[in-house]
C-alpha atoms as a PDB file:
ATOM      1  CA  MET A   1     123.276 -46.684 191.667  1.00  0.00           C
ATOM      2  CA  MET A   2     121.314 -49.853 192.119  1.00  0.00           C
ATOM      3  CA  ASN A   3     122.449 -52.345 194.281  1.00  0.00           C
ATOM      4  CA  LEU A   4     123.675 -55.509 193.467  1.00  0.00           C
ATOM      5  CA  SER A   5     122.433 -57.611 195.932  1.00  0.00           C
ATOM      6  CA  HIS A   6     118.243 -56.499 195.477  1.00  0.00           C
ATOM      7  CA  PHE A   7     119.396 -57.085 191.668  1.00  0.00           C
ATOM      8  CA  TYR A   8     120.736 -60.691 192.234  1.00  0.00           C
ATOM      9  CA  MET A   9     118.113 -61.304 194.579  1.00  0.00           C
ATOM     10  CA  GLU A  10     115.063 -60.728 191.917  1.00  0.00           C
ATOM     11  CA  TRP A  11     116.607 -62.579 189.020  1.00  0.00           C
ATOM     12  CA  VAL A  12     117.010 -65.562 191.653  1.00  0.00           C
ATOM     13  CA  GLY A  13     113.487 -65.296 192.759  1.00  0.00           C
ATOM     14  CA  ILE A  14     112.976 -64.829 188.444  1.00  0.00           C
ATOM     15  CA  TYR A  15     114.695 -67.978 188.040  1.00  0.00           C
ATOM     16  CA  LYS A  16     112.940 -69.936 190.766  1.00  0.00           C
ATOM     17  CA  ILE A  17     109.567 -69.245 189.377  1.00  0.00           C
ATOM     18  CA  MET A  18     110.519 -70.395 185.657  1.00  0.00           C
ATOM     19  CA  LYS A  19     111.786 -73.308 187.248  1.00  0.00           C
ATOM     20  CA  SER A  20     108.401 -73.721 188.596  1.00  0.00           C
ATOM     21  CA  ILE A  21     106.889 -73.375 185.099  1.00  0.00           C
ATOM     22  CA  LEU A  22     108.897 -75.544 183.289  1.00  0.00           C
ATOM     23  CA  PHE A  23     108.514 -78.661 186.339  1.00  0.00           C
ATOM     24  CA  LEU A  24     104.545 -77.957 185.603  1.00  0.00           C
ATOM     25  CA  ILE A  25     104.791 -78.141 182.109  1.00  0.00           C
ATOM     26  CA  SER A  26     107.182 -81.025 182.154  1.00  0.00           C
ATOM     27  CA  PHE A  27     104.803 -82.916 184.540  1.00  0.00           C
ATOM     28  CA  LEU A  28     101.846 -81.721 182.822  1.00  0.00           C
ATOM     29  CA  ILE A  29     103.008 -83.477 179.198  1.00  0.00           C
ATOM     30  CA  THR A  30     104.108 -86.277 181.113  1.00  0.00           C
ATOM     31  CA  SER A  31     100.754 -86.348 182.213  1.00  0.00           C
ATOM     32  CA  SER A  32      98.382 -86.177 179.141  1.00  0.00           C
ATOM     33  CA  ALA A  33     100.539 -88.516 177.675  1.00  0.00           C
ATOM     34  CA  PHE A  34      99.622 -91.339 180.143  1.00  0.00           C
ATOM     35  CA  ALA A  35      96.070 -90.221 180.105  1.00  0.00           C
ATOM     36  CA  GLU A  36      96.588 -90.449 176.373  1.00  0.00           C
ATOM     37  CA  ALA A  37      98.750 -93.989 176.638  1.00  0.00           C
ATOM     38  CA  ARG A  38      96.031 -97.457 175.914  1.00  0.00           C
ATOM     39  CA  VAL A  39      97.090-100.967 176.326  1.00  0.00           C
ATOM     40  CA  TYR A  40      95.355-103.210 174.246  1.00  0.00           C
ATOM     41  CA  PHE A  41      95.256-107.576 173.571  1.00  0.00           C
ATOM     42  CA  ILE A  42      96.193-106.804 169.862  1.00  0.00           C
ATOM     43  CA  ASN A  43      94.938-110.843 168.560  1.00  0.00           C
ATOM     44  CA  LEU A  44      92.377-111.689 171.442  1.00  0.00           C
ATOM     45  CA  GLU A  45      88.934-109.933 172.355  1.00  0.00           C
ATOM     46  CA  ASP A  46      86.496-110.811 174.828  1.00  0.00           C
ATOM     47  CA  GLY A  47      84.911-114.331 174.385  1.00  0.00           C
ATOM     48  CA  ASP A  48      87.374-115.980 172.852  1.00  0.00           C
ATOM     49  CA  ALA A  49      88.237-119.761 172.916  1.00  0.00           C
ATOM     50  CA  VAL A  50      91.838-120.689 172.210  1.00  0.00           C
ATOM     51  CA  GLU A  51      93.713-124.153 172.370  1.00  0.00           C
ATOM     52  CA  SER A  52      96.691-124.424 174.880  1.00  0.00           C
ATOM     53  CA  PRO A  53      99.601-123.062 173.919  1.00  0.00           C
ATOM     54  CA  PHE A  54      98.576-119.746 172.525  1.00  0.00           C
ATOM     55  CA  LEU A  55      99.780-116.369 171.230  1.00  0.00           C
ATOM     56  CA  ILE A  56      98.932-113.689 172.966  1.00  0.00           C
ATOM     57  CA  GLN A  57     100.597-110.209 171.432  1.00  0.00           C
ATOM     58  CA  PHE A  58     100.092-106.787 173.419  1.00  0.00           C
ATOM     59  CA  GLY A  59      99.531-103.493 171.538  1.00  0.00           C
ATOM     60  CA  LEU A  60     100.558 -99.749 173.390  1.00  0.00           C
ATOM     61  CA  SER A  61      99.804 -96.235 171.709  1.00  0.00           C
ATOM     62  CA  GLU A  62     101.113 -93.549 172.849  1.00  0.00           C
ATOM     63  CA  MET A  63     104.062 -94.522 174.938  1.00  0.00           C
ATOM     64  CA  GLY A  64     107.162 -97.042 174.297  1.00  0.00           C
ATOM     65  CA  ILE A  65     108.739-100.188 174.988  1.00  0.00           C
ATOM     66  CA  ALA A  66     111.377-100.124 177.386  1.00  0.00           C
ATOM     67  CA  PRO A  67     112.578-103.215 179.654  1.00  0.00           C
ATOM     68  CA  ALA A  68     112.592-103.058 183.702  1.00  0.00           C
ATOM     69  CA  GLY A  69     114.996-101.458 185.625  1.00  0.00           C
ATOM     70  CA  ILE A  70     115.647 -99.103 182.177  1.00  0.00           C
ATOM     71  CA  ASP A  71     114.568 -95.484 183.163  1.00  0.00           C
ATOM     72  CA  ARG A  72     113.506 -94.271 179.946  1.00  0.00           C
ATOM     73  CA  GLU A  73     110.697 -91.610 179.640  1.00  0.00           C
ATOM     74  CA  ASN A  74     107.359 -92.525 178.833  1.00  0.00           C
ATOM     75  CA  THR A  75     107.852 -95.812 178.710  1.00  0.00           C
ATOM     76  CA  GLY A  76     107.171 -99.248 180.423  1.00  0.00           C
ATOM     77  CA  HIS A  77     106.776-102.837 179.758  1.00  0.00           C
ATOM     78  CA  HIS A  78     103.838-105.287 180.186  1.00  0.00           C
ATOM     79  CA  HIS A  79     102.478-107.518 183.057  1.00  0.00           C
ATOM     80  CA  LEU A  80      99.693-110.369 182.420  1.00  0.00           C
ATOM     81  CA  LEU A  81      97.465-110.484 184.813  1.00  0.00           C
ATOM     82  CA  ILE A  82      95.464-113.745 184.683  1.00  0.00           C
ATOM     83  CA  ASN A  83      92.216-114.067 186.978  1.00  0.00           C
ATOM     84  CA  VAL A  84      93.247-111.355 189.357  1.00  0.00           C
ATOM     85  CA  LYS A  85      90.290-109.602 190.729  1.00  0.00           C
ATOM     86  CA  ASP A  86      92.231-106.440 192.752  1.00  0.00           C
ATOM     87  CA  LEU A  87      95.829-104.794 191.875  1.00  0.00           C
ATOM     88  CA  ASP A  88      97.336-102.347 194.509  1.00  0.00           C
ATOM     89  CA  PHE A  89      98.289 -99.841 191.942  1.00  0.00           C
ATOM     90  CA  SER A  90     100.913 -97.683 194.311  1.00  0.00           C
ATOM     91  CA  LYS A  91     102.696-101.170 194.646  1.00  0.00           C
ATOM     92  CA  PRO A  92     104.738-103.118 192.418  1.00  0.00           C
ATOM     93  CA  ILE A  93     103.302-105.941 190.669  1.00  0.00           C
ATOM     94  CA  PRO A  94     104.023-109.008 192.229  1.00  0.00           C
ATOM     95  CA  ALA A  95     105.462-111.647 190.712  1.00  0.00           C
ATOM     96  CA  SER A  96     103.511-114.789 190.324  1.00  0.00           C
ATOM     97  CA  LYS A  97     101.512-117.449 188.416  1.00  0.00           C
ATOM     98  CA  ASN A  98      98.866-114.883 188.130  1.00  0.00           C
ATOM     99  CA  HIS A  99     101.098-112.572 187.568  1.00  0.00           C
ATOM    100  CA  ILE A 100     103.266-112.546 184.594  1.00  0.00           C
ATOM    101  CA  HIS A 101     105.731-110.243 184.148  1.00  0.00           C
ATOM    102  CA  PHE A 102     107.861-109.368 180.431  1.00  0.00           C
ATOM    103  CA  GLY A 103     110.563-107.221 181.842  1.00  0.00           C
ATOM    104  CA  GLY A 104     112.654-107.713 178.589  1.00  0.00           C
ATOM    105  CA  GLY A 105     110.463-105.560 176.795  1.00  0.00           C
ATOM    106  CA  GLN A 106     108.706-108.626 175.051  1.00  0.00           C
ATOM    107  CA  THR A 107     104.896-107.593 172.964  1.00  0.00           C
ATOM    108  CA  GLU A 108     103.778-111.365 172.438  1.00  0.00           C
ATOM    109  CA  SER A 109     103.846-114.290 174.551  1.00  0.00           C
ATOM    110  CA  LEU A 110     103.312-117.840 173.664  1.00  0.00           C
ATOM    111  CA  VAL A 111     100.914-118.642 176.962  1.00  0.00           C
ATOM    112  CA  GLU A 112      99.967-121.993 178.111  1.00  0.00           C
ATOM    113  CA  LEU A 113      97.445-122.906 180.616  1.00  0.00           C
ATOM    114  CA  PRO A 114      94.665-125.792 181.635  1.00  0.00           C
ATOM    115  CA  PRO A 115      91.569-125.901 179.990  1.00  0.00           C
ATOM    116  CA  GLY A 116      89.068-123.719 181.901  1.00  0.00           C
ATOM    117  CA  ASP A 117      87.494-119.563 182.263  1.00  0.00           C
ATOM    118  CA  TYR A 118      90.464-117.204 182.538  1.00  0.00           C
ATOM    119  CA  ARG A 119      90.260-113.562 183.317  1.00  0.00           C
ATOM    120  CA  LEU A 120      93.410-111.703 181.405  1.00  0.00           C
ATOM    121  CA  GLN A 121      94.059-108.101 181.682  1.00  0.00           C
ATOM    122  CA  LEU A 122      97.533-106.365 180.591  1.00  0.00           C
ATOM    123  CA  VAL A 123      99.091-103.494 182.641  1.00  0.00           C
ATOM    124  CA  LEU A 124     102.116-101.641 182.056  1.00  0.00           C
ATOM    125  CA  GLY A 125     104.777-100.883 184.220  1.00  0.00           C
ATOM    126  CA  ASP A 126     107.604 -98.638 185.076  1.00  0.00           C
ATOM    127  CA  MET A 127     111.435-100.020 185.166  1.00  0.00           C
ATOM    128  CA  THR A 128     110.347-101.170 188.611  1.00  0.00           C
ATOM    129  CA  HIS A 129     107.690-103.074 188.188  1.00  0.00           C
ATOM    130  CA  LYS A 130     104.819-100.284 189.531  1.00  0.00           C
ATOM    131  CA  PRO A 131     102.023 -99.124 187.597  1.00  0.00           C
ATOM    132  CA  HIS A 132     101.914 -95.500 186.428  1.00  0.00           C
ATOM    133  CA  THR A 133      99.701 -92.802 187.797  1.00  0.00           C
ATOM    134  CA  PRO A 134      97.310 -93.009 186.338  1.00  0.00           C
ATOM    135  CA  PRO A 135      97.134 -96.822 185.922  1.00  0.00           C
ATOM    136  CA  ILE A 136      97.341 -97.695 182.008  1.00  0.00           C
ATOM    137  CA  VAL A 137      95.278-101.132 182.131  1.00  0.00           C
ATOM    138  CA  SER A 138      93.731-102.867 179.370  1.00  0.00           C
ATOM    139  CA  LYS A 139      89.761-104.026 178.939  1.00  0.00           C
ATOM    140  CA  LEU A 140      89.426-107.086 181.448  1.00  0.00           C
ATOM    141  CA  ILE A 141      88.479-110.196 178.711  1.00  0.00           C
ATOM    142  CA  ASN A 142      87.328-113.431 178.988  1.00  0.00           C
ATOM    143  CA  ILE A 143      88.843-116.802 177.765  1.00  0.00           C
ATOM    144  CA  THR A 144      87.832-120.047 177.490  1.00  0.00           C
ATOM    145  CA  VAL A 145      90.888-122.402 176.921  1.00  0.00           C
ATOM    146  CA  LYS A 146      89.814-125.746 174.928  1.00  0.00           C
ATOM    147  CA  ASP A 147      90.447-128.805 175.728  1.00  0.00           C
END
């Protein structure tokens, strides 16, 4: 007769292995979704000259939009960086005149800037405004706001 505790221990071991495999598969699927995700400017290109106020439309592929504070897998919300040189991707994106949060899930905004040259970039943040891993960022673009 088979020892019941031995049988139980084998099944517990198999269960733990299967759980680890499912976690790994889930991680790989999520990571590959982030690796394919792309955020971009729809209506602005590097070198554009605009008059203030101007409309910025945010594009996103391979992920969805969810407002800040909403925990939904494979989603985030937009952040517009204006003349930001460095960003610590391990921390939440700060809120300032140079780090504009669109925590309501907005996909476009009317932006008012004084005349001058600006560097713009989009970063997708999670429900706590922290960039995803790996970070989902647009190309940097330079624009000029005309008088």
